[in-house]
Structures are given as structure tokens and as C-alpha cells.
Amino acid sequence: MSQARPLLFLLAAVAVITASSLFIKRPEPAPRKQGGKTTEKAVPPGSSPVIPMVTAEMTDGKVIFEQVCTACHGLDGGGKSELKSPAIASLPEYYASNQIASFREGRRGHHPEDTQSFLMASIAKQLTPAQTDAVVAYLTQMPRTIPADLEKGSQDADLANGQMLFQERCMECHRYNASGEIAFGSPPLVGQQAWYITAQIEKFKDGRRGTVKGDVNGAKMVLSSNFIEDKQMLRDIVAYIVSLNPRPEPPAVKDESPFESASR
């Protein structure tokens, strides 16, 4: 019996140690390394982008534009392809004011799959009527931007076919030079990137834009865009619209004396 006691004590000790380990929080393993770099936790899916805040102290249109609008639309108002944001510099007052009102009142930015418009609606709802008037007055005076990569927009496109389709279907509302028309509430299309025009037509076609009651001009675009039968037809029309933009001027050549150039 005396020889069995050490064995009992040993078994009891093992049981206590095992039970205690169940209540001890083990440290999390260190991040694994791949290719010599530490693998960090991914950003949770569905995380919201930072929305610029409008404050009551913002009364000047230039201040509102620089502190709120440039985050998405750029300092020159030409838009950012990585954020899928449009050019807004030089938009006419009738169109810019109407679109901000549409975002604020739910005619735009309502569709769950239209992330960019949803974000814009969140910003527009912060603006007071006075702030809206101020920022619209500022951006209408900005020079119109020329879309980047103008030649890229015509790749794999039939410009002659795009011109014919534009003149038959689009010119009545957007004018012959795609500069927009106040009588129809239509925006200028020149100045916009090809990818943005393409995206908006696709939104009108699949119901992400122009389907809310009260969006009269949007409803017209839903109807008008139905004639576009396939990707090639859309590519042709957009390429022609982009071709109406003026070509950027080449950089100025600095005047140099013969002695300066010869000394190089």
C-alpha cells in the first residue's frame, strides 16, 4: 500500500496540471510570413470608405470644394478613375444643382449596388441649400478638364458608326457637340472619361439609375439607352463622344539662345 502512494500522488498532479491548462489563455500565433514579408490581417469586407464631413462653418464654395469634393473628384475637378468618380469641373448650374438635389432626395444613390452614388448621396445630404449654391457656383467657373487617354477610348471602336448612332439617338438632347442642353436638363458629355460614360449608360440599362419615381430626365435616359444592343455598339458611341473633346496642347517649347543649346 505504501508503495502505491507515490504513484497516486503523481497521477493526481498530472490531473491538476491538465485541468489548469484548460483555463490558461494561449498566446495567438505570430503572423505568418510569405516571401519574407509579414502577412497582415485583411481589411474586413464591406468596410465603409471615409465620407468627407461638411461643417456649418463651410460657407465659401471654394472651401467646400477643396475640403469635401477634391477627395473624390480631384483638385482640378476632373474625377478619379480609381474611385470611379466623374469630372465635375465646369458643369452647368442647372445640371449640377439638379443632381445634388437628386442625391439628397433619393432619386440617385438609392441602389445598393451603386456604391459611388450611395457615397455621393451621403455627402449631398450634409449640404444646406446655401452650401449647395456656393459650391455649385464655384465648380461652374472651373475650367473644363480634358479626359486622360483620349486615344485609348477609340481602341476597337468604329467611330463612323458611333457618329451615326450619336446623331440619330443622342444629339437631340445632348446637342451636336455633346455640350448638353438646358431645355432638356441634359449634361455635357465632353469632359467626361470614357469609362464613366460607359458606366452610366450601363446603369440606365440595368435599372441602377433613372428608375425612381420623379426622376424625369433619368427615365428618358432609361428609354433612350434601350437602343444600345451590345457592347460594341456602346463602345462605338462612347468613342465618338470622347473624340469630340479638344486635344490637349503640346507643352510649350522654351525659347533658348543658340549659345545655350550649343553648350549642352
C-alpha atoms as a PDB file:
ATOM      1  CA  MET A   1       0.000   0.000   0.000  1.00  0.00           C
ATOM      2  CA  SER A   2       2.853   2.377   0.912  1.00  0.00           C
ATOM      3  CA  GLN A   3       4.460   1.748  -2.481  1.00  0.00           C
ATOM      4  CA  ALA A   4       1.216   2.780  -4.274  1.00  0.00           C
ATOM      5  CA  ARG A   5       1.036   6.246  -2.617  1.00  0.00           C
ATOM      6  CA  PRO A   6       3.774   7.914  -4.757  1.00  0.00           C
ATOM      7  CA  LEU A   7       2.023   6.675  -7.867  1.00  0.00           C
ATOM      8  CA  LEU A   8      -1.311   8.118  -6.673  1.00  0.00           C
ATOM      9  CA  PHE A   9       0.301  11.481  -5.909  1.00  0.00           C
ATOM     10  CA  LEU A  10       1.874  11.509  -9.391  1.00  0.00           C
ATOM     11  CA  LEU A  11      -1.431  10.778 -11.110  1.00  0.00           C
ATOM     12  CA  ALA A  12      -3.157  13.490  -9.065  1.00  0.00           C
ATOM     13  CA  ALA A  13      -0.508  16.051 -10.022  1.00  0.00           C
ATOM     14  CA  VAL A  14      -0.887  15.234 -13.715  1.00  0.00           C
ATOM     15  CA  ALA A  15      -4.661  15.666 -13.432  1.00  0.00           C
ATOM     16  CA  VAL A  16      -4.299  19.100 -11.772  1.00  0.00           C
ATOM     17  CA  ILE A  17      -1.818  20.339 -14.420  1.00  0.00           C
ATOM     18  CA  THR A  18      -4.064  19.129 -17.249  1.00  0.00           C
ATOM     19  CA  ALA A  19      -7.149  20.811 -15.773  1.00  0.00           C
ATOM     20  CA  SER A  20      -5.290  24.080 -15.177  1.00  0.00           C
ATOM     21  CA  SER A  21      -4.111  24.265 -18.773  1.00  0.00           C
ATOM     22  CA  LEU A  22      -7.695  24.444 -19.946  1.00  0.00           C
ATOM     23  CA  PHE A  23      -8.119  27.841 -18.249  1.00  0.00           C
ATOM     24  CA  ILE A  24      -4.853  29.400 -19.429  1.00  0.00           C
ATOM     25  CA  LYS A  25      -5.246  31.696 -22.483  1.00  0.00           C
ATOM     26  CA  ARG A  26      -2.696  30.665 -25.021  1.00  0.00           C
ATOM     27  CA  PRO A  27      -0.964  33.458 -26.935  1.00  0.00           C
ATOM     28  CA  GLU A  28      -2.063  33.957 -30.550  1.00  0.00           C
ATOM     29  CA  PRO A  29       0.421  32.678 -33.109  1.00  0.00           C
ATOM     30  CA  ALA A  30       2.589  35.293 -34.771  1.00  0.00           C
ATOM     31  CA  PRO A  31       1.578  36.367 -38.277  1.00  0.00           C
ATOM     32  CA  ARG A  32       2.935  34.059 -40.912  1.00  0.00           C
ATOM     33  CA  LYS A  33       5.471  35.324 -43.386  1.00  0.00           C
ATOM     34  CA  GLN A  34       5.182  34.877 -47.107  1.00  0.00           C
ATOM     35  CA  GLY A  35       8.098  35.697 -49.309  1.00  0.00           C
ATOM     36  CA  GLY A  36       9.931  37.341 -46.403  1.00  0.00           C
ATOM     37  CA  LYS A  37       7.021  39.719 -45.635  1.00  0.00           C
ATOM     38  CA  THR A  38       4.665  39.557 -42.720  1.00  0.00           C
ATOM     39  CA  THR A  39       1.124  38.658 -43.705  1.00  0.00           C
ATOM     40  CA  GLU A  40      -1.290  41.147 -42.136  1.00  0.00           C
ATOM     41  CA  LYS A  41      -4.951  40.619 -41.475  1.00  0.00           C
ATOM     42  CA  ALA A  42      -7.116  41.633 -44.406  1.00  0.00           C
ATOM     43  CA  VAL A  43      -9.473  44.595 -44.128  1.00  0.00           C
ATOM     44  CA  PRO A  44     -12.936  43.319 -43.192  1.00  0.00           C
ATOM     45  CA  PRO A  45     -15.133  43.010 -46.273  1.00  0.00           C
ATOM     46  CA  GLY A  46     -17.843  45.627 -46.591  1.00  0.00           C
ATOM     47  CA  SER A  47     -15.945  48.246 -44.594  1.00  0.00           C
ATOM     48  CA  SER A  48     -17.178  51.743 -45.486  1.00  0.00           C
ATOM     49  CA  PRO A  49     -14.947  54.387 -47.085  1.00  0.00           C
ATOM     50  CA  VAL A  50     -14.302  57.596 -45.191  1.00  0.00           C
ATOM     51  CA  ILE A  51     -17.008  60.137 -46.005  1.00  0.00           C
ATOM     52  CA  PRO A  52     -15.840  63.787 -46.019  1.00  0.00           C
ATOM     53  CA  MET A  53     -17.719  65.815 -43.426  1.00  0.00           C
ATOM     54  CA  VAL A  54     -19.437  69.123 -44.142  1.00  0.00           C
ATOM     55  CA  THR A  55     -19.480  71.603 -41.256  1.00  0.00           C
ATOM     56  CA  ALA A  56     -21.621  74.662 -40.655  1.00  0.00           C
ATOM     57  CA  GLU A  57     -18.535  76.875 -40.863  1.00  0.00           C
ATOM     58  CA  MET A  58     -18.091  75.992 -44.540  1.00  0.00           C
ATOM     59  CA  THR A  59     -19.855  78.796 -46.371  1.00  0.00           C
ATOM     60  CA  ASP A  60     -17.449  79.567 -49.207  1.00  0.00           C
ATOM     61  CA  GLY A  61     -17.803  77.421 -52.330  1.00  0.00           C
ATOM     62  CA  LYS A  62     -14.060  77.145 -52.852  1.00  0.00           C
ATOM     63  CA  VAL A  63     -13.573  75.930 -49.275  1.00  0.00           C
ATOM     64  CA  ILE A  64     -16.326  73.343 -49.614  1.00  0.00           C
ATOM     65  CA  PHE A  65     -14.889  72.115 -52.893  1.00  0.00           C
ATOM     66  CA  GLU A  66     -11.321  71.851 -51.592  1.00  0.00           C
ATOM     67  CA  GLN A  67     -12.181  70.262 -48.239  1.00  0.00           C
ATOM     68  CA  VAL A  68     -15.006  67.965 -49.342  1.00  0.00           C
ATOM     69  CA  CYS A  69     -15.155  67.452 -53.107  1.00  0.00           C
ATOM     70  CA  THR A  70     -11.481  67.070 -54.014  1.00  0.00           C
ATOM     71  CA  ALA A  71     -11.158  63.829 -52.037  1.00  0.00           C
ATOM     72  CA  CYS A  72     -13.092  62.076 -54.792  1.00  0.00           C
ATOM     73  CA  HIS A  73     -13.094  64.453 -57.751  1.00  0.00           C
ATOM     74  CA  GLY A  74      -9.524  65.790 -57.617  1.00  0.00           C
ATOM     75  CA  LEU A  75      -8.154  69.299 -57.265  1.00  0.00           C
ATOM     76  CA  ASP A  76      -8.965  70.111 -60.880  1.00  0.00           C
ATOM     77  CA  GLY A  77     -12.443  68.543 -60.656  1.00  0.00           C
ATOM     78  CA  GLY A  78     -11.526  66.052 -63.363  1.00  0.00           C
ATOM     79  CA  GLY A  79     -12.557  62.927 -61.441  1.00  0.00           C
ATOM     80  CA  LYS A  80     -10.530  59.911 -60.359  1.00  0.00           C
ATOM     81  CA  SER A  81     -10.612  56.623 -62.229  1.00  0.00           C
ATOM     82  CA  GLU A  82      -9.527  54.633 -59.162  1.00  0.00           C
ATOM     83  CA  LEU A  83     -12.604  55.887 -57.281  1.00  0.00           C
ATOM     84  CA  LYS A  84     -14.882  55.801 -60.337  1.00  0.00           C
ATOM     85  CA  SER A  85     -15.778  59.441 -59.719  1.00  0.00           C
ATOM     86  CA  PRO A  86     -16.772  61.741 -62.599  1.00  0.00           C
ATOM     87  CA  ALA A  87     -15.450  65.064 -63.753  1.00  0.00           C
ATOM     88  CA  ILE A  88     -17.489  67.912 -62.262  1.00  0.00           C
ATOM     89  CA  ALA A  89     -15.432  70.959 -63.284  1.00  0.00           C
ATOM     90  CA  SER A  90     -17.423  73.350 -65.479  1.00  0.00           C
ATOM     91  CA  LEU A  91     -20.732  71.507 -65.096  1.00  0.00           C
ATOM     92  CA  PRO A  92     -23.610  73.888 -65.859  1.00  0.00           C
ATOM     93  CA  GLU A  93     -25.576  75.176 -62.876  1.00  0.00           C
ATOM     94  CA  TYR A  94     -28.877  73.637 -63.984  1.00  0.00           C
ATOM     95  CA  TYR A  95     -27.374  70.147 -64.094  1.00  0.00           C
ATOM     96  CA  ALA A  96     -25.105  70.283 -61.032  1.00  0.00           C
ATOM     97  CA  SER A  97     -27.889  71.654 -58.807  1.00  0.00           C
ATOM     98  CA  ASN A  98     -30.373  69.078 -60.069  1.00  0.00           C
ATOM     99  CA  GLN A  99     -28.012  66.182 -59.451  1.00  0.00           C
ATOM    100  CA  ILE A 100     -27.190  67.258 -55.895  1.00  0.00           C
ATOM    101  CA  ALA A 101     -30.929  67.547 -55.254  1.00  0.00           C
ATOM    102  CA  SER A 102     -31.439  64.066 -56.719  1.00  0.00           C
ATOM    103  CA  PHE A 103     -28.794  62.627 -54.408  1.00  0.00           C
ATOM    104  CA  ARG A 104     -30.255  64.399 -51.406  1.00  0.00           C
ATOM    105  CA  GLU A 105     -33.874  63.429 -52.165  1.00  0.00           C
ATOM    106  CA  GLY A 106     -33.234  59.791 -53.068  1.00  0.00           C
ATOM    107  CA  ARG A 107     -33.605  59.799 -56.846  1.00  0.00           C
ATOM    108  CA  ARG A 108     -29.934  58.863 -57.064  1.00  0.00           C
ATOM    109  CA  GLY A 109     -27.771  56.894 -54.652  1.00  0.00           C
ATOM    110  CA  HIS A 110     -30.544  54.539 -53.628  1.00  0.00           C
ATOM    111  CA  HIS A 111     -29.437  51.324 -55.316  1.00  0.00           C
ATOM    112  CA  PRO A 112     -27.356  49.002 -53.083  1.00  0.00           C
ATOM    113  CA  GLU A 113     -25.095  48.010 -55.988  1.00  0.00           C
ATOM    114  CA  ASP A 114     -24.298  51.615 -56.947  1.00  0.00           C
ATOM    115  CA  THR A 115     -21.572  52.265 -54.372  1.00  0.00           C
ATOM    116  CA  GLN A 116     -20.282  55.538 -55.792  1.00  0.00           C
ATOM    117  CA  SER A 117     -23.719  57.128 -55.980  1.00  0.00           C
ATOM    118  CA  PHE A 118     -24.545  55.906 -52.473  1.00  0.00           C
ATOM    119  CA  LEU A 119     -21.421  57.649 -51.181  1.00  0.00           C
ATOM    120  CA  MET A 120     -22.281  60.856 -53.044  1.00  0.00           C
ATOM    121  CA  ALA A 121     -25.775  60.796 -51.574  1.00  0.00           C
ATOM    122  CA  SER A 122     -24.281  60.636 -48.081  1.00  0.00           C
ATOM    123  CA  ILE A 123     -22.284  63.790 -48.795  1.00  0.00           C
ATOM    124  CA  ALA A 124     -25.090  65.677 -50.574  1.00  0.00           C
ATOM    125  CA  LYS A 125     -27.423  65.173 -47.608  1.00  0.00           C
ATOM    126  CA  GLN A 126     -24.986  67.113 -45.422  1.00  0.00           C
ATOM    127  CA  LEU A 127     -25.136  70.227 -47.608  1.00  0.00           C
ATOM    128  CA  THR A 128     -27.525  73.040 -46.775  1.00  0.00           C
ATOM    129  CA  PRO A 129     -29.230  74.869 -49.673  1.00  0.00           C
ATOM    130  CA  ALA A 130     -26.840  77.801 -49.207  1.00  0.00           C
ATOM    131  CA  GLN A 131     -23.792  75.498 -49.245  1.00  0.00           C
ATOM    132  CA  THR A 132     -25.112  73.767 -52.360  1.00  0.00           C
ATOM    133  CA  ASP A 133     -25.498  77.080 -54.172  1.00  0.00           C
ATOM    134  CA  ALA A 134     -22.000  78.148 -53.107  1.00  0.00           C
ATOM    135  CA  VAL A 135     -20.165  75.021 -54.245  1.00  0.00           C
ATOM    136  CA  VAL A 136     -22.152  74.813 -57.498  1.00  0.00           C
ATOM    137  CA  ALA A 137     -21.304  78.441 -58.264  1.00  0.00           C
ATOM    138  CA  TYR A 138     -17.632  77.635 -57.720  1.00  0.00           C
ATOM    139  CA  LEU A 139     -17.396  74.471 -59.803  1.00  0.00           C
ATOM    140  CA  THR A 140     -19.293  76.015 -62.737  1.00  0.00           C
ATOM    141  CA  GLN A 141     -16.474  78.564 -63.030  1.00  0.00           C
ATOM    142  CA  MET A 142     -13.734  75.940 -63.102  1.00  0.00           C
ATOM    143  CA  PRO A 143     -12.133  75.201 -66.473  1.00  0.00           C
ATOM    144  CA  ARG A 144     -13.343  72.052 -68.140  1.00  0.00           C
ATOM    145  CA  THR A 145     -10.863  69.197 -67.933  1.00  0.00           C
ATOM    146  CA  ILE A 146      -9.745  67.075 -70.871  1.00  0.00           C
ATOM    147  CA  PRO A 147     -10.119  63.330 -70.220  1.00  0.00           C
ATOM    148  CA  ALA A 148      -6.920  61.368 -69.932  1.00  0.00           C
ATOM    149  CA  ASP A 149      -6.014  58.764 -72.550  1.00  0.00           C
ATOM    150  CA  LEU A 150      -8.225  60.185 -75.300  1.00  0.00           C
ATOM    151  CA  GLU A 151      -6.831  57.834 -77.914  1.00  0.00           C
ATOM    152  CA  LYS A 152      -7.421  54.805 -75.696  1.00  0.00           C
ATOM    153  CA  GLY A 153     -11.172  55.404 -75.858  1.00  0.00           C
ATOM    154  CA  SER A 154     -11.218  54.752 -79.608  1.00  0.00           C
ATOM    155  CA  GLN A 155      -9.493  51.383 -79.465  1.00  0.00           C
ATOM    156  CA  ASP A 156     -11.567  48.572 -81.032  1.00  0.00           C
ATOM    157  CA  ALA A 157     -14.285  51.122 -81.861  1.00  0.00           C
ATOM    158  CA  ASP A 158     -15.927  52.173 -85.120  1.00  0.00           C
ATOM    159  CA  LEU A 159     -16.019  55.975 -84.912  1.00  0.00           C
ATOM    160  CA  ALA A 160     -18.116  56.327 -88.066  1.00  0.00           C
ATOM    161  CA  ASN A 161     -20.765  54.015 -86.658  1.00  0.00           C
ATOM    162  CA  GLY A 162     -20.586  55.817 -83.313  1.00  0.00           C
ATOM    163  CA  GLN A 163     -21.119  59.154 -85.032  1.00  0.00           C
ATOM    164  CA  MET A 164     -24.162  57.855 -86.897  1.00  0.00           C
ATOM    165  CA  LEU A 165     -25.710  56.397 -83.744  1.00  0.00           C
ATOM    166  CA  PHE A 166     -24.990  59.550 -81.724  1.00  0.00           C
ATOM    167  CA  GLN A 167     -26.579  61.799 -84.335  1.00  0.00           C
ATOM    168  CA  GLU A 168     -29.628  59.540 -84.624  1.00  0.00           C
ATOM    169  CA  ARG A 169     -30.206  58.871 -80.927  1.00  0.00           C
ATOM    170  CA  CYS A 170     -28.272  61.235 -78.671  1.00  0.00           C
ATOM    171  CA  MET A 171     -27.820  64.544 -80.441  1.00  0.00           C
ATOM    172  CA  GLU A 172     -31.386  65.765 -79.920  1.00  0.00           C
ATOM    173  CA  CYS A 173     -30.866  66.066 -76.150  1.00  0.00           C
ATOM    174  CA  HIS A 174     -27.102  66.445 -75.821  1.00  0.00           C
ATOM    175  CA  ARG A 175     -26.587  68.681 -78.898  1.00  0.00           C
ATOM    176  CA  TYR A 176     -24.404  68.019 -81.908  1.00  0.00           C
ATOM    177  CA  ASN A 177     -21.188  68.643 -79.954  1.00  0.00           C
ATOM    178  CA  ALA A 178     -22.267  66.788 -76.763  1.00  0.00           C
ATOM    179  CA  SER A 179     -22.241  70.035 -74.772  1.00  0.00           C
ATOM    180  CA  GLY A 180     -25.635  69.459 -73.120  1.00  0.00           C
ATOM    181  CA  GLU A 181     -28.915  71.362 -73.322  1.00  0.00           C
ATOM    182  CA  ILE A 182     -30.707  73.267 -70.558  1.00  0.00           C
ATOM    183  CA  ALA A 183     -34.112  72.784 -72.214  1.00  0.00           C
ATOM    184  CA  PHE A 184     -33.804  69.021 -71.721  1.00  0.00           C
ATOM    185  CA  GLY A 185     -31.795  69.132 -68.498  1.00  0.00           C
ATOM    186  CA  SER A 186     -29.103  67.090 -70.238  1.00  0.00           C
ATOM    187  CA  PRO A 187     -25.463  67.292 -69.146  1.00  0.00           C
ATOM    188  CA  PRO A 188     -22.424  67.939 -71.278  1.00  0.00           C
ATOM    189  CA  LEU A 189     -20.718  64.688 -72.195  1.00  0.00           C
ATOM    190  CA  VAL A 190     -17.467  66.261 -73.326  1.00  0.00           C
ATOM    191  CA  GLY A 191     -15.031  66.440 -70.455  1.00  0.00           C
ATOM    192  CA  GLN A 192     -16.103  63.067 -69.078  1.00  0.00           C
ATOM    193  CA  GLN A 193     -13.937  59.965 -69.136  1.00  0.00           C
ATOM    194  CA  ALA A 194     -14.987  57.136 -71.457  1.00  0.00           C
ATOM    195  CA  TRP A 195     -15.253  54.680 -68.556  1.00  0.00           C
ATOM    196  CA  TYR A 196     -17.684  56.965 -66.712  1.00  0.00           C
ATOM    197  CA  ILE A 197     -19.995  57.495 -69.694  1.00  0.00           C
ATOM    198  CA  THR A 198     -19.974  53.746 -70.286  1.00  0.00           C
ATOM    199  CA  ALA A 199     -20.774  53.003 -66.640  1.00  0.00           C
ATOM    200  CA  GLN A 200     -23.692  55.437 -66.533  1.00  0.00           C
ATOM    201  CA  ILE A 201     -25.295  54.072 -69.699  1.00  0.00           C
ATOM    202  CA  GLU A 202     -24.990  50.567 -68.245  1.00  0.00           C
ATOM    203  CA  LYS A 203     -26.655  51.777 -65.030  1.00  0.00           C
ATOM    204  CA  PHE A 204     -29.559  53.245 -67.003  1.00  0.00           C
ATOM    205  CA  LYS A 205     -29.922  49.983 -68.905  1.00  0.00           C
ATOM    206  CA  ASP A 206     -29.937  47.659 -65.887  1.00  0.00           C
ATOM    207  CA  GLY A 207     -32.043  49.800 -63.561  1.00  0.00           C
ATOM    208  CA  ARG A 208     -29.433  51.140 -61.165  1.00  0.00           C
ATOM    209  CA  ARG A 209     -30.185  54.679 -62.298  1.00  0.00           C
ATOM    210  CA  GLY A 210     -33.231  56.523 -63.609  1.00  0.00           C
ATOM    211  CA  THR A 211     -35.910  54.199 -62.225  1.00  0.00           C
ATOM    212  CA  VAL A 212     -37.066  56.155 -59.157  1.00  0.00           C
ATOM    213  CA  LYS A 213     -40.385  57.982 -59.382  1.00  0.00           C
ATOM    214  CA  GLY A 214     -39.835  61.658 -60.022  1.00  0.00           C
ATOM    215  CA  ASP A 215     -36.564  61.256 -61.947  1.00  0.00           C
ATOM    216  CA  VAL A 216     -37.966  62.540 -65.228  1.00  0.00           C
ATOM    217  CA  ASN A 217     -34.676  63.021 -67.044  1.00  0.00           C
ATOM    218  CA  GLY A 218     -33.386  59.703 -65.732  1.00  0.00           C
ATOM    219  CA  ALA A 219     -36.459  57.950 -67.082  1.00  0.00           C
ATOM    220  CA  LYS A 220     -35.798  59.467 -70.508  1.00  0.00           C
ATOM    221  CA  MET A 221     -32.272  58.077 -70.422  1.00  0.00           C
ATOM    222  CA  VAL A 222     -33.556  54.628 -69.433  1.00  0.00           C
ATOM    223  CA  LEU A 223     -35.778  54.677 -72.507  1.00  0.00           C
ATOM    224  CA  SER A 224     -33.106  56.170 -74.775  1.00  0.00           C
ATOM    225  CA  SER A 225     -30.412  53.696 -73.764  1.00  0.00           C
ATOM    226  CA  ASN A 226     -32.524  50.689 -74.715  1.00  0.00           C
ATOM    227  CA  PHE A 227     -31.497  51.002 -78.356  1.00  0.00           C
ATOM    228  CA  ILE A 228     -27.920  50.013 -77.465  1.00  0.00           C
ATOM    229  CA  GLU A 229     -27.945  46.314 -78.239  1.00  0.00           C
ATOM    230  CA  ASP A 230     -24.437  45.174 -77.351  1.00  0.00           C
ATOM    231  CA  LYS A 231     -21.004  46.134 -76.002  1.00  0.00           C
ATOM    232  CA  GLN A 232     -19.669  47.005 -79.451  1.00  0.00           C
ATOM    233  CA  MET A 233     -22.441  49.486 -80.135  1.00  0.00           C
ATOM    234  CA  LEU A 234     -21.848  51.083 -76.730  1.00  0.00           C
ATOM    235  CA  ARG A 235     -18.103  51.209 -77.380  1.00  0.00           C
ATOM    236  CA  ASP A 236     -18.659  52.946 -80.739  1.00  0.00           C
ATOM    237  CA  ILE A 237     -20.936  55.629 -79.290  1.00  0.00           C
ATOM    238  CA  VAL A 238     -18.698  56.374 -76.312  1.00  0.00           C
ATOM    239  CA  ALA A 239     -15.605  56.521 -78.523  1.00  0.00           C
ATOM    240  CA  TYR A 240     -17.270  59.091 -80.751  1.00  0.00           C
ATOM    241  CA  ILE A 241     -18.340  61.209 -77.764  1.00  0.00           C
ATOM    242  CA  VAL A 242     -14.801  61.166 -76.401  1.00  0.00           C
ATOM    243  CA  SER A 243     -13.457  62.157 -79.826  1.00  0.00           C
ATOM    244  CA  LEU A 244     -15.371  65.454 -79.548  1.00  0.00           C
ATOM    245  CA  ASN A 245     -13.016  66.627 -76.802  1.00  0.00           C
ATOM    246  CA  PRO A 246     -10.310  69.082 -77.812  1.00  0.00           C
ATOM    247  CA  ARG A 247      -6.849  67.585 -77.936  1.00  0.00           C
ATOM    248  CA  PRO A 248      -4.509  68.829 -75.225  1.00  0.00           C
ATOM    249  CA  GLU A 249      -1.980  71.364 -76.386  1.00  0.00           C
ATOM    250  CA  PRO A 250       1.613  70.141 -76.591  1.00  0.00           C
ATOM    251  CA  PRO A 251       3.948  71.503 -73.931  1.00  0.00           C
ATOM    252  CA  ALA A 252       5.419  74.857 -74.831  1.00  0.00           C
ATOM    253  CA  VAL A 253       8.989  74.819 -76.112  1.00  0.00           C
ATOM    254  CA  LYS A 254      11.233  77.072 -74.093  1.00  0.00           C
ATOM    255  CA  ASP A 255      13.000  79.701 -76.156  1.00  0.00           C
ATOM    256  CA  GLU A 256      16.738  79.311 -75.936  1.00  0.00           C
ATOM    257  CA  SER A 257      19.630  81.225 -77.369  1.00  0.00           C
ATOM    258  CA  PRO A 258      21.969  79.399 -79.787  1.00  0.00           C
ATOM    259  CA  PHE A 259      24.699  79.659 -77.174  1.00  0.00           C
ATOM    260  CA  GLU A 260      22.608  77.813 -74.524  1.00  0.00           C
ATOM    261  CA  SER A 261      21.706  74.953 -76.843  1.00  0.00           C
ATOM    262  CA  ALA A 262      25.268  74.639 -78.129  1.00  0.00           C
ATOM    263  CA  SER A 263      26.671  74.414 -74.621  1.00  0.00           C
ATOM    264  CA  ARG A 264      24.691  71.227 -73.847  1.00  0.00           C
END
